[in-house]
Structure formats: structure tokens, C-alpha cells
């Protein structure tokens, strides 16, 4: 993968007050009443090698994740995504035409026409790989050409699709790389629970976008400075600095002490 930027693609949702009409999402029923749920969605491209956000877009929650991926994707990069990104075969074909590489999970029931099937080697079988083939997606095989790999984990069976040539990554490496997708879920948890970007200071879409981008810039600077995702104690130290309880000279040493 030398020279190829590996990114994780996913989104996360924040609930907002129902008076934000531009963020109305879906009806919620309960107690004999039907109300509208309002939420915003942060579409995120996460650079796996650096551990920071590469690109992001805040929209209403109903904005399609695949449509956001189509807008955010850059040629020459590899995007690792969950099942939702594999549902549109036409989109996967467009990504291949744009020289955008992908590794996405697919539904177990996905159908295809086999072009060439390979026998997994001993290392692949040890990693749980039991199927490996070049296929064309669709019942009639009229979809894009991809490599399909099936992996049996301890909990479930995974079907992975990629447009990377087989000589670039082996099925064992594909299965291992997909496991790294969980890093973006950890980042969302950190952003909401540790960084605590939950309270909104404005109600317009532009104002909320600015707030999220400022938070992401601050998070990126902290991660680049400390080399790790700052933990709860680091964030408390920053709050102490903002409240005037520690000096600017003391802050760098305290941050580095807490990330060891």
C-alpha cells in the first residue's frame, strides 16, 4: 500500500432539538403520538495512517451516506466502509472508473457471477478466509468487477468486496485491514464522550458546521501534538487551563504526562 492513502469512511449522528426544521429526520411513534425526530450527521473520512480526520461534512441526518462518499472520495485513495456503502452497485462501478479504491463489507446474500475462483492458501485459511474469487456483481453479472472474499470470524461471516487487484493485497491482508475500520467508531466515541462535542451553540446549519469544524481542528492538533488520542485527563487539563487554573507553560508537560 506504499503511496496509497488508506481512509475509513463512515458517519455519526447527533440528536438536535425538534424546532430545527432543516434537520427533521424521521417520524417517531410512541404513547399514542407521532413526532418528528431531528438530527444532524457528520460524514467523516478518517486517515488511518495518521489517526486524524482527513475530510468531513455536516448535514441533516437524512442526507445519504453513499451520496456523501461520492462527494468526498478522492482518486488514488483506498476507502474502507461498512455494508451500507456496498448496496449501490452503480456507485461502486463509478468509483472504479474514477480510480477510487474501496474495501467494503457486503450483505451475505449479495449475488454475483464468478469469473475466476482461487483456492485460499494455508495462511488465509488460518485467518478464516474460506472463499476468494474475482466476480461481477448482480444476478446476471452486469455489475462492476470486484474481488470477493468471505471470512469466518468468531462471531459472524463477513463478505468483503474490493476493486484492488489481487496482487496488491492478499485475502488475509484484506481481512486484517477491514478490522481496522473499528478505529473510526472509536474516534466517534471519543469525539462525543471524551471531547464532549455535544452541546450546540447555534441552530443554523452553517453555524453548526463551523462548530464541528473547529472541534475537529482542535482534536487534530491535539492528536498531532501528543501522538495519541487525548484521554479524559488531558481534556480536564485543558479545561483547567481555560479556567485559569494552570499556566500555558505548565500545560504542554501535563498533556504529555497523561498520554504516556
C-alpha atoms as a PDB file:
ATOM      1  CA  UNK A   1       0.000   0.000   0.000  1.00  0.00           C
ATOM      2  CA  UNK A   2       3.001   2.315  -0.307  1.00  0.00           C
ATOM      3  CA  UNK A   3       1.889   5.599  -1.806  1.00  0.00           C
ATOM      4  CA  UNK A   4      -1.805   4.787  -1.301  1.00  0.00           C
ATOM      5  CA  UNK A   5      -3.732   6.748   1.325  1.00  0.00           C
ATOM      6  CA  UNK A   6      -5.924   4.409   3.375  1.00  0.00           C
ATOM      7  CA  UNK A   7      -9.067   6.088   4.742  1.00  0.00           C
ATOM      8  CA  UNK A   8     -12.031   4.909   6.791  1.00  0.00           C
ATOM      9  CA  UNK A   9     -15.431   6.228   5.678  1.00  0.00           C
ATOM     10  CA  UNK A  10     -18.442   6.422   7.989  1.00  0.00           C
ATOM     11  CA  UNK A  11     -20.844   8.855   9.646  1.00  0.00           C
ATOM     12  CA  UNK A  12     -22.210   9.590  13.103  1.00  0.00           C
ATOM     13  CA  UNK A  13     -25.497  11.157  14.202  1.00  0.00           C
ATOM     14  CA  UNK A  14     -26.243  13.802  16.836  1.00  0.00           C
ATOM     15  CA  UNK A  15     -29.787  14.454  18.041  1.00  0.00           C
ATOM     16  CA  UNK A  16     -30.867  18.114  17.986  1.00  0.00           C
ATOM     17  CA  UNK A  17     -33.970  19.961  19.141  1.00  0.00           C
ATOM     18  CA  UNK A  18     -37.094  19.456  17.044  1.00  0.00           C
ATOM     19  CA  UNK A  19     -37.528  23.123  16.204  1.00  0.00           C
ATOM     20  CA  UNK A  20     -34.639  22.816  13.714  1.00  0.00           C
ATOM     21  CA  UNK A  21     -36.864  22.271  10.696  1.00  0.00           C
ATOM     22  CA  UNK A  22     -33.925  21.779   8.310  1.00  0.00           C
ATOM     23  CA  UNK A  23     -32.781  18.778  10.388  1.00  0.00           C
ATOM     24  CA  UNK A  24     -36.094  16.839  10.503  1.00  0.00           C
ATOM     25  CA  UNK A  25     -35.214  13.213  10.016  1.00  0.00           C
ATOM     26  CA  UNK A  26     -37.844  10.543  10.630  1.00  0.00           C
ATOM     27  CA  UNK A  27     -41.151  10.062  12.449  1.00  0.00           C
ATOM     28  CA  UNK A  28     -41.041   8.629  15.958  1.00  0.00           C
ATOM     29  CA  UNK A  29     -44.149   6.915  17.336  1.00  0.00           C
ATOM     30  CA  UNK A  30     -44.898   6.217  20.961  1.00  0.00           C
ATOM     31  CA  UNK A  31     -47.532   6.840  23.610  1.00  0.00           C
ATOM     32  CA  UNK A  32     -50.226   7.355  21.001  1.00  0.00           C
ATOM     33  CA  UNK A  33     -48.390  10.306  19.440  1.00  0.00           C
ATOM     34  CA  UNK A  34     -46.241  10.644  16.335  1.00  0.00           C
ATOM     35  CA  UNK A  35     -43.496  13.245  16.378  1.00  0.00           C
ATOM     36  CA  UNK A  36     -40.565  14.093  14.128  1.00  0.00           C
ATOM     37  CA  UNK A  37     -37.049  13.269  15.206  1.00  0.00           C
ATOM     38  CA  UNK A  38     -34.400  15.867  14.322  1.00  0.00           C
ATOM     39  CA  UNK A  39     -30.712  15.072  13.958  1.00  0.00           C
ATOM     40  CA  UNK A  40     -27.537  16.006  12.130  1.00  0.00           C
ATOM     41  CA  UNK A  41     -24.985  13.659  10.575  1.00  0.00           C
ATOM     42  CA  UNK A  42     -21.221  14.064  10.349  1.00  0.00           C
ATOM     43  CA  UNK A  43     -19.852  12.312   7.245  1.00  0.00           C
ATOM     44  CA  UNK A  44     -16.214  11.599   8.008  1.00  0.00           C
ATOM     45  CA  UNK A  45     -13.137  10.471   6.096  1.00  0.00           C
ATOM     46  CA  UNK A  46     -10.601   9.239   8.667  1.00  0.00           C
ATOM     47  CA  UNK A  47      -6.922   8.898   7.678  1.00  0.00           C
ATOM     48  CA  UNK A  48      -5.928   5.527   9.127  1.00  0.00           C
ATOM     49  CA  UNK A  49      -2.153   6.040   8.986  1.00  0.00           C
ATOM     50  CA  UNK A  50      -2.192   9.396  10.839  1.00  0.00           C
ATOM     51  CA  UNK A  51      -5.221   8.721  13.045  1.00  0.00           C
ATOM     52  CA  UNK A  52      -6.895  12.040  12.224  1.00  0.00           C
ATOM     53  CA  UNK A  53      -9.878  13.266  10.231  1.00  0.00           C
ATOM     54  CA  UNK A  54      -8.988  13.965   6.599  1.00  0.00           C
ATOM     55  CA  UNK A  55     -12.308  15.415   5.426  1.00  0.00           C
ATOM     56  CA  UNK A  56     -15.742  15.924   6.982  1.00  0.00           C
ATOM     57  CA  UNK A  57     -19.153  17.273   6.075  1.00  0.00           C
ATOM     58  CA  UNK A  58     -22.025  18.071   8.474  1.00  0.00           C
ATOM     59  CA  UNK A  59     -25.514  17.650   7.006  1.00  0.00           C
ATOM     60  CA  UNK A  60     -29.039  16.817   8.076  1.00  0.00           C
ATOM     61  CA  UNK A  61     -29.196  13.190   9.242  1.00  0.00           C
ATOM     62  CA  UNK A  62     -31.365  12.134   6.290  1.00  0.00           C
ATOM     63  CA  UNK A  63     -28.589  13.018   3.813  1.00  0.00           C
ATOM     64  CA  UNK A  64     -27.459   9.744   2.191  1.00  0.00           C
ATOM     65  CA  UNK A  65     -24.096   8.372   3.334  1.00  0.00           C
ATOM     66  CA  UNK A  66     -23.329   6.970  -0.111  1.00  0.00           C
ATOM     67  CA  UNK A  67     -24.014  10.341  -1.719  1.00  0.00           C
ATOM     68  CA  UNK A  68     -21.642  11.969   0.777  1.00  0.00           C
ATOM     69  CA  UNK A  69     -18.969   9.344  -0.015  1.00  0.00           C
ATOM     70  CA  UNK A  70     -19.328  10.109  -3.710  1.00  0.00           C
ATOM     71  CA  UNK A  71     -18.653  13.788  -2.978  1.00  0.00           C
ATOM     72  CA  UNK A  72     -15.806  13.248  -0.504  1.00  0.00           C
ATOM     73  CA  UNK A  73     -13.899  10.464  -2.296  1.00  0.00           C
ATOM     74  CA  UNK A  74     -10.571  11.349  -3.904  1.00  0.00           C
ATOM     75  CA  UNK A  75      -8.926   9.342  -6.737  1.00  0.00           C
ATOM     76  CA  UNK A  76      -5.919   7.308  -5.664  1.00  0.00           C
ATOM     77  CA  UNK A  77      -7.157   6.682  -2.118  1.00  0.00           C
ATOM     78  CA  UNK A  78      -8.472   3.456  -0.576  1.00  0.00           C
ATOM     79  CA  UNK A  79     -11.723   3.719   1.407  1.00  0.00           C
ATOM     80  CA  UNK A  80     -12.779   1.090   3.952  1.00  0.00           C
ATOM     81  CA  UNK A  81     -16.500   1.113   4.703  1.00  0.00           C
ATOM     82  CA  UNK A  82     -19.324  -0.896   6.236  1.00  0.00           C
ATOM     83  CA  UNK A  83     -22.218  -2.648   4.466  1.00  0.00           C
ATOM     84  CA  UNK A  84     -24.266   0.431   3.617  1.00  0.00           C
ATOM     85  CA  UNK A  85     -21.645   1.640   1.146  1.00  0.00           C
ATOM     86  CA  UNK A  86     -21.854  -1.572  -0.891  1.00  0.00           C
ATOM     87  CA  UNK A  87     -25.609  -1.552  -1.577  1.00  0.00           C
ATOM     88  CA  UNK A  88     -25.391   0.555  -4.757  1.00  0.00           C
ATOM     89  CA  UNK A  89     -23.536  -1.399  -7.457  1.00  0.00           C
ATOM     90  CA  UNK A  90     -23.655   1.552  -9.856  1.00  0.00           C
ATOM     91  CA  UNK A  91     -21.813   3.690  -7.299  1.00  0.00           C
ATOM     92  CA  UNK A  92     -19.103   1.038  -6.880  1.00  0.00           C
ATOM     93  CA  UNK A  93     -18.695   0.984 -10.650  1.00  0.00           C
ATOM     94  CA  UNK A  94     -18.381   4.782 -10.737  1.00  0.00           C
ATOM     95  CA  UNK A  95     -15.743   4.656  -8.011  1.00  0.00           C
ATOM     96  CA  UNK A  96     -13.682   2.203 -10.062  1.00  0.00           C
ATOM     97  CA  UNK A  97     -13.951   4.450 -13.116  1.00  0.00           C
ATOM     98  CA  UNK A  98     -12.718   7.409 -11.037  1.00  0.00           C
ATOM     99  CA  UNK A  99      -9.711   5.361  -9.812  1.00  0.00           C
ATOM    100  CA  UNK A 100     -11.117   5.393  -6.279  1.00  0.00           C
ATOM    101  CA  UNK A 101     -10.250   2.168  -4.452  1.00  0.00           C
ATOM    102  CA  UNK A 102     -12.572   0.604  -1.898  1.00  0.00           C
ATOM    103  CA  UNK A 103     -12.846  -2.256   0.570  1.00  0.00           C
ATOM    104  CA  UNK A 104     -16.424  -2.601   1.783  1.00  0.00           C
ATOM    105  CA  UNK A 105     -18.425  -5.202   3.597  1.00  0.00           C
ATOM    106  CA  UNK A 106     -21.410  -6.608   1.734  1.00  0.00           C
ATOM    107  CA  UNK A 107     -24.558  -8.448   2.641  1.00  0.00           C
ATOM    108  CA  UNK A 108     -24.200 -12.215   2.954  1.00  0.00           C
ATOM    109  CA  UNK A 109     -26.992 -12.548   0.384  1.00  0.00           C
ATOM    110  CA  UNK A 110     -25.140 -10.499  -2.273  1.00  0.00           C
ATOM    111  CA  UNK A 111     -25.274 -12.256  -5.647  1.00  0.00           C
ATOM    112  CA  UNK A 112     -22.646 -12.314  -8.379  1.00  0.00           C
ATOM    113  CA  UNK A 113     -21.286 -14.200 -11.376  1.00  0.00           C
ATOM    114  CA  UNK A 114     -17.909 -15.846 -10.770  1.00  0.00           C
ATOM    115  CA  UNK A 115     -15.205 -15.053 -13.309  1.00  0.00           C
ATOM    116  CA  UNK A 116     -12.265 -16.746 -11.608  1.00  0.00           C
ATOM    117  CA  UNK A 117     -12.117 -18.537  -8.279  1.00  0.00           C
ATOM    118  CA  UNK A 118      -8.952 -19.039  -6.243  1.00  0.00           C
ATOM    119  CA  UNK A 119      -8.013 -21.533  -3.558  1.00  0.00           C
ATOM    120  CA  UNK A 120      -7.102 -19.796  -0.266  1.00  0.00           C
ATOM    121  CA  UNK A 121      -3.667 -20.794   0.978  1.00  0.00           C
ATOM    122  CA  UNK A 122      -2.914 -22.099   4.454  1.00  0.00           C
ATOM    123  CA  UNK A 123      -2.275 -18.617   5.875  1.00  0.00           C
ATOM    124  CA  UNK A 124      -5.631 -17.392   4.519  1.00  0.00           C
ATOM    125  CA  UNK A 125      -7.486 -20.377   5.973  1.00  0.00           C
ATOM    126  CA  UNK A 126      -5.816 -19.750   9.320  1.00  0.00           C
ATOM    127  CA  UNK A 127      -7.212 -16.185   9.160  1.00  0.00           C
ATOM    128  CA  UNK A 128     -10.719 -17.544   8.497  1.00  0.00           C
ATOM    129  CA  UNK A 129     -10.808 -16.949   4.715  1.00  0.00           C
ATOM    130  CA  UNK A 130     -12.805 -19.721   3.022  1.00  0.00           C
ATOM    131  CA  UNK A 131     -13.769 -18.067  -0.290  1.00  0.00           C
ATOM    132  CA  UNK A 132     -11.815 -15.885  -2.739  1.00  0.00           C
ATOM    133  CA  UNK A 133     -12.834 -15.028  -6.286  1.00  0.00           C
ATOM    134  CA  UNK A 134     -12.974 -12.397  -8.998  1.00  0.00           C
ATOM    135  CA  UNK A 135     -16.670 -11.729  -9.683  1.00  0.00           C
ATOM    136  CA  UNK A 136     -19.116  -9.396 -11.394  1.00  0.00           C
ATOM    137  CA  UNK A 137     -21.860  -8.200  -9.086  1.00  0.00           C
ATOM    138  CA  UNK A 138     -25.551  -8.752  -9.803  1.00  0.00           C
ATOM    139  CA  UNK A 139     -27.738 -11.771 -10.513  1.00  0.00           C
ATOM    140  CA  UNK A 140     -26.877 -11.541 -14.221  1.00  0.00           C
ATOM    141  CA  UNK A 141     -23.314 -10.394 -13.639  1.00  0.00           C
ATOM    142  CA  UNK A 142     -23.936  -6.984 -15.178  1.00  0.00           C
ATOM    143  CA  UNK A 143     -22.479  -5.050 -12.213  1.00  0.00           C
ATOM    144  CA  UNK A 144     -18.921  -3.888 -11.582  1.00  0.00           C
ATOM    145  CA  UNK A 145     -15.996  -6.315 -11.459  1.00  0.00           C
ATOM    146  CA  UNK A 146     -14.636  -6.809  -7.925  1.00  0.00           C
ATOM    147  CA  UNK A 147     -12.761  -9.302  -5.800  1.00  0.00           C
ATOM    148  CA  UNK A 148     -14.970 -11.083  -3.243  1.00  0.00           C
ATOM    149  CA  UNK A 149     -13.556 -12.540  -0.048  1.00  0.00           C
ATOM    150  CA  UNK A 150     -15.546 -14.400   2.584  1.00  0.00           C
ATOM    151  CA  UNK A 151     -14.169 -14.551   6.114  1.00  0.00           C
ATOM    152  CA  UNK A 152     -15.471 -16.549   9.067  1.00  0.00           C
ATOM    153  CA  UNK A 153     -14.822 -14.722  12.336  1.00  0.00           C
ATOM    154  CA  UNK A 154     -15.584 -15.885  15.868  1.00  0.00           C
ATOM    155  CA  UNK A 155     -18.963 -14.127  15.789  1.00  0.00           C
ATOM    156  CA  UNK A 156     -20.112 -13.995  12.157  1.00  0.00           C
ATOM    157  CA  UNK A 157     -19.378 -14.444   8.487  1.00  0.00           C
ATOM    158  CA  UNK A 158     -18.091 -11.390   6.598  1.00  0.00           C
ATOM    159  CA  UNK A 159     -18.323 -10.828   2.857  1.00  0.00           C
ATOM    160  CA  UNK A 160     -15.790  -8.257   1.652  1.00  0.00           C
ATOM    161  CA  UNK A 161     -15.677  -6.590  -1.768  1.00  0.00           C
ATOM    162  CA  UNK A 162     -12.753  -4.647  -3.210  1.00  0.00           C
ATOM    163  CA  UNK A 163     -11.621  -3.294  -6.561  1.00  0.00           C
ATOM    164  CA  UNK A 164      -7.956  -3.613  -5.623  1.00  0.00           C
ATOM    165  CA  UNK A 165      -6.055  -6.096  -7.812  1.00  0.00           C
ATOM    166  CA  UNK A 166      -5.305  -9.416  -6.037  1.00  0.00           C
ATOM    167  CA  UNK A 167      -1.558  -8.794  -6.313  1.00  0.00           C
ATOM    168  CA  UNK A 168      -1.861  -5.618  -4.203  1.00  0.00           C
ATOM    169  CA  UNK A 169      -3.432  -7.207  -1.121  1.00  0.00           C
ATOM    170  CA  UNK A 170      -3.882 -10.874  -0.296  1.00  0.00           C
ATOM    171  CA  UNK A 171      -7.233 -12.054   1.142  1.00  0.00           C
ATOM    172  CA  UNK A 172      -5.550 -12.367   4.545  1.00  0.00           C
ATOM    173  CA  UNK A 173      -4.426  -8.735   4.370  1.00  0.00           C
ATOM    174  CA  UNK A 174      -7.871  -7.617   3.195  1.00  0.00           C
ATOM    175  CA  UNK A 175      -9.495  -9.301   6.203  1.00  0.00           C
ATOM    176  CA  UNK A 176      -6.919  -7.741   8.542  1.00  0.00           C
ATOM    177  CA  UNK A 177      -7.362  -4.279   7.016  1.00  0.00           C
ATOM    178  CA  UNK A 178     -11.138  -4.395   7.380  1.00  0.00           C
ATOM    179  CA  UNK A 179     -10.746  -4.995  11.114  1.00  0.00           C
ATOM    180  CA  UNK A 180      -9.131  -1.537  11.311  1.00  0.00           C
ATOM    181  CA  UNK A 181     -12.478   0.007  10.343  1.00  0.00           C
ATOM    182  CA  UNK A 182     -13.353  -0.038  14.033  1.00  0.00           C
ATOM    183  CA  UNK A 183     -10.897   2.838  14.539  1.00  0.00           C
ATOM    184  CA  UNK A 184     -13.416   5.328  13.148  1.00  0.00           C
ATOM    185  CA  UNK A 185     -16.081   4.057  15.570  1.00  0.00           C
ATOM    186  CA  UNK A 186     -13.607   4.633  18.411  1.00  0.00           C
ATOM    187  CA  UNK A 187     -12.989   8.155  17.098  1.00  0.00           C
ATOM    188  CA  UNK A 188     -16.724   8.967  17.095  1.00  0.00           C
ATOM    189  CA  UNK A 189     -16.985   7.671  20.666  1.00  0.00           C
ATOM    190  CA  UNK A 190     -14.007   9.821  21.663  1.00  0.00           C
ATOM    191  CA  UNK A 191     -15.408  12.899  19.900  1.00  0.00           C
ATOM    192  CA  UNK A 192     -18.762  12.615  21.671  1.00  0.00           C
ATOM    193  CA  UNK A 193     -17.842  11.228  25.080  1.00  0.00           C
ATOM    194  CA  UNK A 194     -14.295  12.414  25.813  1.00  0.00           C
ATOM    195  CA  UNK A 195     -14.015  15.546  23.672  1.00  0.00           C
ATOM    196  CA  UNK A 196     -17.685  16.185  24.556  1.00  0.00           C
ATOM    197  CA  UNK A 197     -18.775  17.875  21.369  1.00  0.00           C
ATOM    198  CA  UNK A 198     -22.461  17.509  22.246  1.00  0.00           C
ATOM    199  CA  UNK A 199     -23.741  20.967  23.170  1.00  0.00           C
ATOM    200  CA  UNK A 200     -24.752  23.180  20.236  1.00  0.00           C
ATOM    201  CA  UNK A 201     -24.270  26.943  20.421  1.00  0.00           C
ATOM    202  CA  UNK A 202     -26.385  27.808  17.356  1.00  0.00           C
ATOM    203  CA  UNK A 203     -29.274  26.409  15.344  1.00  0.00           C
ATOM    204  CA  UNK A 204     -28.386  27.204  11.721  1.00  0.00           C
ATOM    205  CA  UNK A 205     -26.711  24.544   9.611  1.00  0.00           C
ATOM    206  CA  UNK A 206     -23.794  26.847   8.794  1.00  0.00           C
ATOM    207  CA  UNK A 207     -23.230  27.703  12.461  1.00  0.00           C
ATOM    208  CA  UNK A 208     -23.278  24.034  13.485  1.00  0.00           C
ATOM    209  CA  UNK A 209     -20.854  23.191  10.672  1.00  0.00           C
ATOM    210  CA  UNK A 210     -18.439  25.859  11.935  1.00  0.00           C
ATOM    211  CA  UNK A 211     -18.660  24.474  15.479  1.00  0.00           C
ATOM    212  CA  UNK A 212     -17.934  20.914  14.321  1.00  0.00           C
ATOM    213  CA  UNK A 213     -15.034  22.008  12.113  1.00  0.00           C
ATOM    214  CA  UNK A 214     -13.475  23.969  14.981  1.00  0.00           C
ATOM    215  CA  UNK A 215     -13.819  20.889  17.202  1.00  0.00           C
ATOM    216  CA  UNK A 216     -12.214  18.665  14.547  1.00  0.00           C
ATOM    217  CA  UNK A 217      -9.350  21.116  14.042  1.00  0.00           C
ATOM    218  CA  UNK A 218      -8.737  21.218  17.790  1.00  0.00           C
ATOM    219  CA  UNK A 219      -8.933  17.411  18.017  1.00  0.00           C
ATOM    220  CA  UNK A 220      -6.479  17.027  15.115  1.00  0.00           C
ATOM    221  CA  UNK A 221      -3.997  19.472  16.645  1.00  0.00           C
ATOM    222  CA  UNK A 222      -4.164  17.655  19.979  1.00  0.00           C
ATOM    223  CA  UNK A 223      -3.612  14.254  18.387  1.00  0.00           C
ATOM    224  CA  UNK A 224      -0.726  15.508  16.245  1.00  0.00           C
ATOM    225  CA  UNK A 225       0.879  17.185  19.287  1.00  0.00           C
ATOM    226  CA  UNK A 226       0.502  14.285  21.726  1.00  0.00           C
ATOM    227  CA  UNK A 227       0.817  11.441  19.214  1.00  0.00           C
ATOM    228  CA  UNK A 228      -2.300   9.795  20.626  1.00  0.00           C
ATOM    229  CA  UNK A 229      -5.975  10.480  21.116  1.00  0.00           C
ATOM    230  CA  UNK A 230      -6.111  12.653  24.278  1.00  0.00           C
ATOM    231  CA  UNK A 231      -7.872  10.908  27.134  1.00  0.00           C
ATOM    232  CA  UNK A 232     -10.288  12.243  29.719  1.00  0.00           C
ATOM    233  CA  UNK A 233      -7.490  13.542  31.969  1.00  0.00           C
ATOM    234  CA  UNK A 234      -5.979  15.513  29.062  1.00  0.00           C
ATOM    235  CA  UNK A 235      -9.312  17.151  28.369  1.00  0.00           C
ATOM    236  CA  UNK A 236      -9.722  18.016  32.055  1.00  0.00           C
ATOM    237  CA  UNK A 237      -6.257  19.609  31.983  1.00  0.00           C
ATOM    238  CA  UNK A 238      -7.251  21.758  29.013  1.00  0.00           C
ATOM    239  CA  UNK A 239     -10.407  22.821  30.852  1.00  0.00           C
ATOM    240  CA  UNK A 240      -8.276  23.784  33.858  1.00  0.00           C
ATOM    241  CA  UNK A 241      -6.085  25.901  31.555  1.00  0.00           C
ATOM    242  CA  UNK A 242      -9.117  27.609  30.020  1.00  0.00           C
ATOM    243  CA  UNK A 243     -10.420  28.358  33.512  1.00  0.00           C
ATOM    244  CA  UNK A 244      -7.063  29.864  34.525  1.00  0.00           C
ATOM    245  CA  UNK A 245      -6.126  27.078  36.945  1.00  0.00           C
ATOM    246  CA  UNK A 246      -2.855  26.224  35.196  1.00  0.00           C
ATOM    247  CA  UNK A 247      -0.496  28.297  33.081  1.00  0.00           C
ATOM    248  CA  UNK A 248       0.399  27.990  29.401  1.00  0.00           C
ATOM    249  CA  UNK A 249       3.909  26.919  30.470  1.00  0.00           C
ATOM    250  CA  UNK A 250       2.553  24.047  32.583  1.00  0.00           C
ATOM    251  CA  UNK A 251       0.050  22.783  30.006  1.00  0.00           C
ATOM    252  CA  UNK A 252       2.423  21.008  27.500  1.00  0.00           C
ATOM    253  CA  UNK A 253       4.128  18.965  30.218  1.00  0.00           C
ATOM    254  CA  UNK A 254       0.798  17.947  31.741  1.00  0.00           C
ATOM    255  CA  UNK A 255      -0.628  16.865  28.360  1.00  0.00           C
ATOM    256  CA  UNK A 256       2.414  14.700  27.591  1.00  0.00           C
ATOM    257  CA  UNK A 257       2.342  13.206  31.090  1.00  0.00           C
ATOM    258  CA  UNK A 258      -1.243  11.991  30.672  1.00  0.00           C
ATOM    259  CA  UNK A 259      -0.798  10.328  27.261  1.00  0.00           C
ATOM    260  CA  UNK A 260       2.040   8.012  28.322  1.00  0.00           C
END
